[in-house]
Amino acid sequence: MKYRVAVETSFDAAHFLPGYKGPCSRLHGHTYRVRLIYQGEIDGGTNMVIDMSELKADLRKITDEWDHRYLNDSLVMPTAENLAVLVLNHLPPRVGSYTVRVWETPTSFAEASNE
């Protein structure tokens, strides 16, 4: 049986989308919300899929680098999709799989997964 465990964090950052035709082509900011979902099986020794504090620390290590930053300084195209992939690519390898969901607004998100 597969189980899913999730943790969330948030960070504030500014960006603009180069070449985009619309309001996001101008400098603006977001309070991003990031959910990290880990899917795996119960470990017989711990009776957990994963230690949630370990999962949250992995996520914060990545997102803390973006908090109160201008994302265009380090990312060519700082879209929610690209942020989700960057988080996914910087997570430590584990037996299970990851899904990363990044909200730019309370009603809009992008998701990437290595399932």
N, C-alpha and C. Protein backbone atom coordinates (compact mmCIF):
# COMPACT_ATOMS: atom_id res chain seq x y z
N MET A 1 0.84 -1.18 0.00
CA MET A 1 0.00 0.00 0.00
C MET A 1 0.88 1.24 0.00
N LYS A 2 0.52 2.24 -0.79
CA LYS A 2 1.25 3.50 -0.85
C LYS A 2 0.55 4.53 0.04
N TYR A 3 1.35 5.33 0.69
CA TYR A 3 0.87 6.41 1.54
C TYR A 3 1.47 7.71 1.05
N ARG A 4 0.80 8.82 1.35
CA ARG A 4 1.32 10.15 1.03
C ARG A 4 1.43 10.96 2.32
N VAL A 5 2.55 11.63 2.44
CA VAL A 5 2.81 12.51 3.57
C VAL A 5 3.16 13.87 2.97
N ALA A 6 2.61 14.94 3.52
CA ALA A 6 2.84 16.27 2.95
C ALA A 6 3.24 17.27 4.02
N VAL A 7 4.08 18.22 3.60
CA VAL A 7 4.45 19.36 4.43
C VAL A 7 4.34 20.60 3.55
N GLU A 8 4.17 21.74 4.19
CA GLU A 8 4.06 23.00 3.45
C GLU A 8 4.92 24.07 4.10
N THR A 9 5.32 25.02 3.28
CA THR A 9 5.99 26.21 3.76
C THR A 9 5.62 27.35 2.83
N SER A 10 6.05 28.55 3.16
CA SER A 10 5.80 29.69 2.29
C SER A 10 7.01 30.61 2.31
N PHE A 11 7.09 31.43 1.29
CA PHE A 11 8.14 32.44 1.22
C PHE A 11 7.64 33.60 0.38
N ASP A 12 8.23 34.76 0.58
CA ASP A 12 7.88 35.97 -0.16
C ASP A 12 9.02 36.31 -1.11
N ALA A 13 8.66 36.63 -2.36
CA ALA A 13 9.68 36.97 -3.34
C ALA A 13 9.07 37.82 -4.45
N ALA A 14 9.96 38.53 -5.15
CA ALA A 14 9.55 39.35 -6.29
C ALA A 14 10.10 38.72 -7.57
N HIS A 15 9.42 39.01 -8.68
CA HIS A 15 9.88 38.55 -9.99
C HIS A 15 9.12 39.26 -11.09
N PHE A 16 9.53 39.01 -12.31
CA PHE A 16 8.75 39.37 -13.50
C PHE A 16 9.03 38.30 -14.53
N LEU A 17 8.18 38.18 -15.52
CA LEU A 17 8.33 37.15 -16.55
C LEU A 17 8.78 37.79 -17.85
N PRO A 18 10.07 37.65 -18.20
CA PRO A 18 10.59 38.23 -19.43
C PRO A 18 9.87 37.66 -20.66
N GLY A 19 9.53 38.55 -21.57
CA GLY A 19 8.90 38.11 -22.82
C GLY A 19 7.42 37.80 -22.70
N TYR A 20 6.87 37.86 -21.51
CA TYR A 20 5.45 37.57 -21.31
C TYR A 20 4.63 38.80 -21.67
N LYS A 21 3.53 38.60 -22.36
CA LYS A 21 2.64 39.71 -22.72
C LYS A 21 1.50 39.77 -21.72
N GLY A 22 1.61 40.63 -20.74
CA GLY A 22 0.58 40.74 -19.72
C GLY A 22 1.15 41.36 -18.47
N PRO A 23 0.32 41.46 -17.43
CA PRO A 23 0.74 42.15 -16.20
C PRO A 23 1.95 41.53 -15.52
N CYS A 24 2.17 40.24 -15.69
CA CYS A 24 3.32 39.58 -15.04
C CYS A 24 4.64 39.93 -15.70
N SER A 25 4.60 40.71 -16.78
CA SER A 25 5.84 41.19 -17.39
C SER A 25 6.43 42.34 -16.58
N ARG A 26 5.66 42.86 -15.64
CA ARG A 26 6.15 43.94 -14.76
C ARG A 26 6.57 43.34 -13.42
N LEU A 27 7.48 44.03 -12.77
CA LEU A 27 7.95 43.60 -11.45
C LEU A 27 6.78 43.54 -10.48
N HIS A 28 6.67 42.42 -9.77
CA HIS A 28 5.62 42.24 -8.77
C HIS A 28 6.07 41.15 -7.80
N GLY A 29 5.32 40.96 -6.73
CA GLY A 29 5.70 39.97 -5.73
C GLY A 29 4.57 39.02 -5.40
N HIS A 30 4.95 37.93 -4.76
CA HIS A 30 3.99 36.91 -4.32
C HIS A 30 4.39 36.41 -2.94
N THR A 31 3.40 35.93 -2.23
CA THR A 31 3.66 35.04 -1.11
C THR A 31 3.43 33.65 -1.67
N TYR A 32 4.51 32.98 -1.98
CA TYR A 32 4.43 31.64 -2.55
C TYR A 32 4.15 30.63 -1.44
N ARG A 33 3.33 29.67 -1.75
CA ARG A 33 3.09 28.53 -0.84
C ARG A 33 3.57 27.28 -1.57
N VAL A 34 4.34 26.46 -0.86
CA VAL A 34 4.92 25.26 -1.47
C VAL A 34 4.53 24.04 -0.65
N ARG A 35 3.95 23.07 -1.31
CA ARG A 35 3.61 21.79 -0.67
C ARG A 35 4.49 20.71 -1.26
N LEU A 36 5.12 19.96 -0.38
CA LEU A 36 5.94 18.81 -0.76
C LEU A 36 5.23 17.55 -0.31
N ILE A 37 4.91 16.69 -1.25
CA ILE A 37 4.23 15.43 -0.95
C ILE A 37 5.21 14.29 -1.24
N TYR A 38 5.38 13.43 -0.27
CA TYR A 38 6.22 12.25 -0.44
C TYR A 38 5.33 11.03 -0.43
N GLN A 39 5.49 10.16 -1.42
CA GLN A 39 4.69 8.94 -1.49
C GLN A 39 5.61 7.74 -1.32
N GLY A 40 5.22 6.86 -0.42
CA GLY A 40 6.02 5.66 -0.19
C GLY A 40 5.25 4.66 0.65
N GLU A 41 5.98 3.70 1.15
CA GLU A 41 5.39 2.66 1.98
C GLU A 41 5.80 2.88 3.43
N ILE A 42 5.04 2.29 4.33
CA ILE A 42 5.35 2.37 5.75
C ILE A 42 6.65 1.61 6.03
N ASP A 43 7.53 2.25 6.75
CA ASP A 43 8.77 1.60 7.20
C ASP A 43 8.42 0.77 8.44
N GLY A 44 8.71 -0.51 8.40
CA GLY A 44 8.37 -1.41 9.50
C GLY A 44 9.05 -1.05 10.81
N GLY A 45 10.22 -0.45 10.74
CA GLY A 45 10.95 -0.08 11.96
C GLY A 45 10.40 1.15 12.65
N THR A 46 9.96 2.13 11.85
CA THR A 46 9.48 3.39 12.43
C THR A 46 7.96 3.52 12.40
N ASN A 47 7.30 2.68 11.62
CA ASN A 47 5.86 2.79 11.39
C ASN A 47 5.46 4.13 10.77
N MET A 48 6.40 4.74 10.04
CA MET A 48 6.15 6.01 9.33
C MET A 48 6.58 5.84 7.88
N VAL A 49 6.00 6.64 7.03
CA VAL A 49 6.45 6.71 5.64
C VAL A 49 7.78 7.47 5.61
N ILE A 50 7.81 8.58 6.32
CA ILE A 50 9.00 9.41 6.44
C ILE A 50 8.79 10.33 7.64
N ASP A 51 9.85 10.75 8.25
CA ASP A 51 9.77 11.71 9.35
C ASP A 51 9.41 13.07 8.76
N MET A 52 8.26 13.61 9.12
CA MET A 52 7.79 14.87 8.55
C MET A 52 8.75 16.02 8.83
N SER A 53 9.43 16.00 9.97
CA SER A 53 10.37 17.08 10.27
C SER A 53 11.56 17.04 9.31
N GLU A 54 11.95 15.86 8.90
CA GLU A 54 13.03 15.71 7.92
C GLU A 54 12.59 16.24 6.56
N LEU A 55 11.37 15.92 6.18
CA LEU A 55 10.81 16.38 4.91
C LEU A 55 10.70 17.89 4.90
N LYS A 56 10.23 18.47 5.99
CA LYS A 56 10.08 19.93 6.08
C LYS A 56 11.45 20.60 6.03
N ALA A 57 12.44 20.03 6.69
CA ALA A 57 13.80 20.60 6.66
C ALA A 57 14.36 20.58 5.24
N ASP A 58 14.12 19.50 4.50
CA ASP A 58 14.57 19.42 3.11
C ASP A 58 13.94 20.53 2.28
N LEU A 59 12.65 20.76 2.47
CA LEU A 59 11.94 21.79 1.72
C LEU A 59 12.43 23.18 2.09
N ARG A 60 12.56 23.46 3.37
CA ARG A 60 13.00 24.78 3.83
C ARG A 60 14.41 25.11 3.36
N LYS A 61 15.26 24.12 3.29
CA LYS A 61 16.63 24.33 2.84
C LYS A 61 16.63 24.94 1.44
N ILE A 62 15.68 24.53 0.62
CA ILE A 62 15.57 25.03 -0.75
C ILE A 62 14.86 26.37 -0.78
N THR A 63 13.69 26.46 -0.17
CA THR A 63 12.88 27.68 -0.28
C THR A 63 13.45 28.86 0.51
N ASP A 64 14.21 28.60 1.55
CA ASP A 64 14.82 29.70 2.31
C ASP A 64 15.76 30.53 1.43
N GLU A 65 16.33 29.89 0.40
CA GLU A 65 17.22 30.61 -0.52
C GLU A 65 16.45 31.64 -1.36
N TRP A 66 15.15 31.46 -1.50
CA TRP A 66 14.33 32.37 -2.32
C TRP A 66 13.58 33.40 -1.48
N ASP A 67 13.52 33.23 -0.18
CA ASP A 67 12.72 34.11 0.67
C ASP A 67 13.25 35.54 0.64
N HIS A 68 12.35 36.49 0.38
CA HIS A 68 12.66 37.91 0.30
C HIS A 68 13.79 38.20 -0.69
N ARG A 69 13.70 37.52 -1.84
CA ARG A 69 14.68 37.70 -2.91
C ARG A 69 13.98 38.15 -4.19
N TYR A 70 14.78 38.63 -5.11
CA TYR A 70 14.35 38.93 -6.46
C TYR A 70 14.72 37.71 -7.30
N LEU A 71 13.74 36.90 -7.65
CA LEU A 71 13.98 35.60 -8.27
C LEU A 71 14.69 35.69 -9.62
N ASN A 72 14.51 36.78 -10.34
CA ASN A 72 15.16 36.93 -11.64
C ASN A 72 16.68 37.03 -11.52
N ASP A 73 17.19 37.32 -10.33
CA ASP A 73 18.64 37.35 -10.14
C ASP A 73 19.27 35.97 -10.32
N SER A 74 18.51 34.91 -10.02
CA SER A 74 19.09 33.57 -10.11
C SER A 74 18.34 32.64 -11.07
N LEU A 75 17.17 33.04 -11.54
CA LEU A 75 16.39 32.19 -12.45
C LEU A 75 16.08 32.95 -13.73
N VAL A 76 16.28 32.29 -14.86
CA VAL A 76 16.01 32.93 -16.15
C VAL A 76 14.51 33.18 -16.31
N MET A 77 13.70 32.19 -15.99
CA MET A 77 12.25 32.32 -16.11
C MET A 77 11.60 31.81 -14.83
N PRO A 78 11.36 32.71 -13.87
CA PRO A 78 10.87 32.30 -12.55
C PRO A 78 9.35 32.07 -12.50
N THR A 79 8.89 31.09 -13.24
CA THR A 79 7.48 30.71 -13.21
C THR A 79 7.23 29.72 -12.07
N ALA A 80 6.00 29.55 -11.70
CA ALA A 80 5.65 28.56 -10.67
C ALA A 80 6.06 27.16 -11.12
N GLU A 81 5.91 26.88 -12.42
CA GLU A 81 6.30 25.57 -12.94
C GLU A 81 7.79 25.33 -12.75
N ASN A 82 8.60 26.34 -13.06
CA ASN A 82 10.04 26.19 -12.92
C ASN A 82 10.47 26.10 -11.47
N LEU A 83 9.80 26.82 -10.58
CA LEU A 83 10.11 26.70 -9.15
C LEU A 83 9.80 25.29 -8.66
N ALA A 84 8.68 24.73 -9.09
CA ALA A 84 8.31 23.36 -8.68
C ALA A 84 9.37 22.36 -9.14
N VAL A 85 9.84 22.50 -10.36
CA VAL A 85 10.87 21.58 -10.89
C VAL A 85 12.18 21.77 -10.14
N LEU A 86 12.54 23.00 -9.83
CA LEU A 86 13.78 23.25 -9.09
C LEU A 86 13.74 22.60 -7.71
N VAL A 87 12.61 22.74 -7.02
CA VAL A 87 12.47 22.07 -5.72
C VAL A 87 12.64 20.57 -5.91
N LEU A 88 11.92 20.02 -6.86
CA LEU A 88 11.97 18.57 -7.12
C LEU A 88 13.40 18.10 -7.39
N ASN A 89 14.13 18.86 -8.18
CA ASN A 89 15.50 18.47 -8.56
C ASN A 89 16.51 18.61 -7.43
N HIS A 90 16.20 19.36 -6.39
CA HIS A 90 17.14 19.56 -5.29
C HIS A 90 16.81 18.74 -4.04
N LEU A 91 15.81 17.88 -4.13
CA LEU A 91 15.47 17.02 -3.00
C LEU A 91 16.38 15.80 -2.98
N PRO A 92 16.69 15.30 -1.79
CA PRO A 92 17.55 14.11 -1.72
C PRO A 92 16.83 12.89 -2.30
N PRO A 93 17.56 12.02 -2.98
CA PRO A 93 16.93 10.81 -3.52
C PRO A 93 16.45 9.89 -2.40
N ARG A 94 15.28 9.36 -2.58
CA ARG A 94 14.70 8.41 -1.63
C ARG A 94 14.00 7.31 -2.41
N VAL A 95 13.60 6.27 -1.72
CA VAL A 95 12.93 5.13 -2.36
C VAL A 95 11.58 5.55 -2.94
N GLY A 96 10.85 6.41 -2.26
CA GLY A 96 9.54 6.84 -2.71
C GLY A 96 9.62 7.93 -3.77
N SER A 97 8.49 8.56 -4.04
CA SER A 97 8.43 9.62 -5.05
C SER A 97 7.94 10.92 -4.43
N TYR A 98 8.22 12.01 -5.15
CA TYR A 98 7.85 13.35 -4.70
C TYR A 98 6.88 14.01 -5.67
N THR A 99 6.03 14.86 -5.12
CA THR A 99 5.24 15.80 -5.89
C THR A 99 5.41 17.15 -5.22
N VAL A 100 5.64 18.19 -6.01
CA VAL A 100 5.82 19.54 -5.49
C VAL A 100 4.74 20.42 -6.12
N ARG A 101 4.04 21.16 -5.29
CA ARG A 101 3.00 22.08 -5.74
C ARG A 101 3.38 23.48 -5.27
N VAL A 102 3.42 24.44 -6.20
CA VAL A 102 3.79 25.82 -5.88
C VAL A 102 2.63 26.73 -6.25
N TRP A 103 2.09 27.42 -5.23
CA TRP A 103 1.03 28.41 -5.44
C TRP A 103 1.66 29.79 -5.56
N GLU A 104 1.27 30.54 -6.60
CA GLU A 104 1.64 31.95 -6.70
C GLU A 104 0.57 32.82 -6.07
N THR A 105 -0.65 32.34 -6.11
CA THR A 105 -1.79 33.03 -5.48
C THR A 105 -2.59 31.97 -4.75
N PRO A 106 -3.54 32.38 -3.92
CA PRO A 106 -4.36 31.37 -3.23
C PRO A 106 -5.15 30.45 -4.16
N THR A 107 -5.32 30.86 -5.43
CA THR A 107 -6.15 30.07 -6.34
C THR A 107 -5.41 29.51 -7.56
N SER A 108 -4.08 29.73 -7.64
CA SER A 108 -3.34 29.30 -8.83
C SER A 108 -2.04 28.60 -8.44
N PHE A 109 -1.85 27.38 -8.95
CA PHE A 109 -0.62 26.65 -8.64
C PHE A 109 -0.13 25.88 -9.85
N ALA A 110 1.14 25.47 -9.74
CA ALA A 110 1.76 24.56 -10.71
C ALA A 110 2.30 23.38 -9.94
N GLU A 111 2.38 22.22 -10.58
CA GLU A 111 2.80 21.01 -9.90
C GLU A 111 3.77 20.22 -10.77
N ALA A 112 4.78 19.63 -10.12
CA ALA A 112 5.73 18.76 -10.79
C ALA A 112 5.90 17.50 -9.94
N SER A 113 6.15 16.38 -10.59
CA SER A 113 6.26 15.11 -9.88
C SER A 113 7.31 14.23 -10.54
N ASN A 114 7.94 13.36 -9.73
CA ASN A 114 8.86 12.38 -10.29
C ASN A 114 8.28 10.97 -10.19
N GLU A 115 6.96 10.88 -10.11
CA GLU A 115 6.29 9.56 -10.05
C GLU A 115 6.46 8.83 -11.36
